[in-house]
Amino acid sequence: MDLHNLYDNIPAQLPEELFTDILKTDNFRVERIVSQGHALHEGFWYDQDQKEWVMVLEGAARIRFEDRTDAIELRPGDYLTIPAHKRHRVEWTAPDQRTVWLAIHFQG
């Protein structure tokens, strides 16, 4: 049994978002995402085959859904479940601090 910490191995500089699988099985995947001023380019939408539960642990972010005109702002402790094939994009993450997300991708 190995002890790990969610905040370990985060580089000081993040030229790109950092995606790290924490736990992966045939049925679900737990992922840590670290952003700092990152956003998806205009016109790109995630369209995932699985549901995604996502929580912001620190920092701040905005997610936009293709079928909504307003973005949803997430602060520490905020979470939401994104249905499979619900087109969405990360529109903004805090540029002056890191944003640490926990995401669970699952079927059902």
Protein backbone atom coordinates (compact mmCIF):
# COMPACT_ATOMS: atom_id res chain seq x y z
CA MET A 1 0.00 0.00 0.00
CA ASP A 2 1.48 3.34 -1.09
CA LEU A 3 0.54 6.71 0.35
CA HIS A 4 0.10 9.54 -2.16
CA ASN A 5 -0.89 13.20 -1.93
CA LEU A 6 -3.10 14.92 -4.51
CA TYR A 7 -0.91 18.04 -4.33
CA ASP A 8 2.41 16.26 -4.97
CA ASN A 9 4.31 16.63 -8.24
CA ILE A 10 2.71 19.84 -9.43
CA PRO A 11 5.32 21.89 -11.28
CA ALA A 12 5.76 25.57 -10.46
CA GLN A 13 5.23 26.52 -14.12
CA LEU A 14 2.37 25.08 -16.15
CA PRO A 15 2.84 25.80 -19.86
CA GLU A 16 -0.02 23.33 -20.47
CA GLU A 17 -2.76 21.90 -18.28
CA LEU A 18 -1.59 18.91 -16.27
CA PHE A 19 -3.75 15.75 -16.39
CA THR A 20 -2.86 12.90 -14.01
CA ASP A 21 -4.80 9.65 -13.57
CA ILE A 22 -5.16 8.87 -9.87
CA LEU A 23 -7.14 5.64 -10.19
CA LYS A 24 -8.30 3.81 -13.28
CA THR A 25 -10.48 0.73 -13.73
CA ASP A 26 -12.58 -0.65 -16.57
CA ASN A 27 -15.61 1.23 -15.19
CA PHE A 28 -14.30 4.61 -14.07
CA ARG A 29 -11.30 6.92 -13.92
CA VAL A 30 -10.31 9.44 -11.24
CA GLU A 31 -8.20 12.28 -12.59
CA ARG A 32 -6.42 15.29 -11.14
CA ILE A 33 -6.32 18.33 -13.43
CA VAL A 34 -4.18 21.38 -12.73
CA SER A 35 -4.76 24.60 -14.68
CA GLN A 36 -3.41 28.13 -14.44
CA GLY A 37 -4.87 30.56 -16.93
CA HIS A 38 -5.70 27.72 -19.31
CA ALA A 39 -8.85 27.58 -21.43
CA LEU A 40 -9.98 25.74 -24.53
CA HIS A 41 -9.78 27.62 -27.79
CA GLU A 42 -12.99 29.12 -29.13
CA GLY A 43 -15.05 26.57 -31.02
CA PHE A 44 -13.63 23.45 -29.28
CA TRP A 45 -16.11 21.42 -27.24
CA TYR A 46 -15.58 18.29 -25.16
CA ASP A 47 -18.07 15.60 -26.18
CA GLN A 48 -17.33 12.66 -23.90
CA ASP A 49 -18.72 9.13 -23.99
CA GLN A 50 -18.86 8.95 -20.18
CA LYS A 51 -20.41 11.09 -17.47
CA GLU A 52 -17.98 13.34 -15.61
CA TRP A 53 -18.22 14.51 -12.02
CA VAL A 54 -15.86 17.45 -11.53
CA MET A 55 -14.94 19.47 -8.43
CA VAL A 56 -12.68 22.49 -7.99
CA LEU A 57 -10.47 21.98 -4.93
CA GLU A 58 -8.58 25.27 -5.20
CA GLY A 59 -8.53 28.19 -7.62
CA ALA A 60 -11.43 29.12 -9.91
CA ALA A 61 -12.78 28.19 -13.33
CA ARG A 62 -15.67 28.78 -15.70
CA ILE A 63 -17.31 26.04 -17.74
CA ARG A 64 -19.61 26.82 -20.65
CA PHE A 65 -22.13 24.37 -22.07
CA GLU A 66 -22.98 24.59 -25.75
CA ASP A 67 -26.71 24.88 -25.04
CA ARG A 68 -26.36 27.77 -22.53
CA THR A 69 -25.49 31.40 -23.04
CA ASP A 70 -23.98 31.86 -19.57
CA ALA A 71 -20.92 30.14 -18.12
CA ILE A 72 -20.93 28.37 -14.76
CA GLU A 73 -18.28 29.64 -12.36
CA LEU A 74 -16.67 27.12 -10.03
CA ARG A 75 -14.89 28.03 -6.80
CA PRO A 76 -13.30 25.74 -4.18
CA GLY A 77 -15.80 23.12 -3.09
CA ASP A 78 -18.10 23.57 -6.11
CA TYR A 79 -18.87 20.46 -8.13
CA LEU A 80 -21.17 19.32 -10.89
CA THR A 81 -21.99 16.26 -12.94
CA ILE A 82 -21.72 16.56 -16.70
CA PRO A 83 -23.88 14.07 -18.62
CA ALA A 84 -22.31 11.98 -21.38
CA HIS A 85 -22.24 13.85 -24.71
CA LYS A 86 -23.13 17.18 -23.05
CA ARG A 87 -20.88 19.46 -25.08
CA HIS A 88 -18.87 21.73 -22.81
CA ARG A 89 -15.62 23.64 -22.61
CA VAL A 90 -13.41 25.21 -19.97
CA GLU A 91 -13.74 28.87 -20.83
CA TRP A 92 -11.44 30.34 -18.16
CA THR A 93 -9.22 29.38 -15.23
CA ALA A 94 -7.66 31.78 -12.75
CA PRO A 95 -4.47 33.21 -14.27
CA ASP A 96 -2.86 34.27 -10.98
CA GLN A 97 -3.17 30.97 -9.11
CA ARG A 98 -3.38 27.30 -9.92
CA THR A 99 -6.76 25.64 -10.20
CA VAL A 100 -6.80 22.04 -8.96
CA TRP A 101 -9.69 19.88 -10.12
CA LEU A 102 -10.76 16.38 -9.21
CA ALA A 103 -12.66 14.61 -11.99
CA ILE A 104 -14.35 11.23 -12.01
CA HIS A 105 -15.30 9.77 -15.40
CA PHE A 106 -17.89 6.98 -15.18
CA GLN A 107 -20.66 5.05 -16.94
CA GLY A 108 -24.23 4.84 -15.74
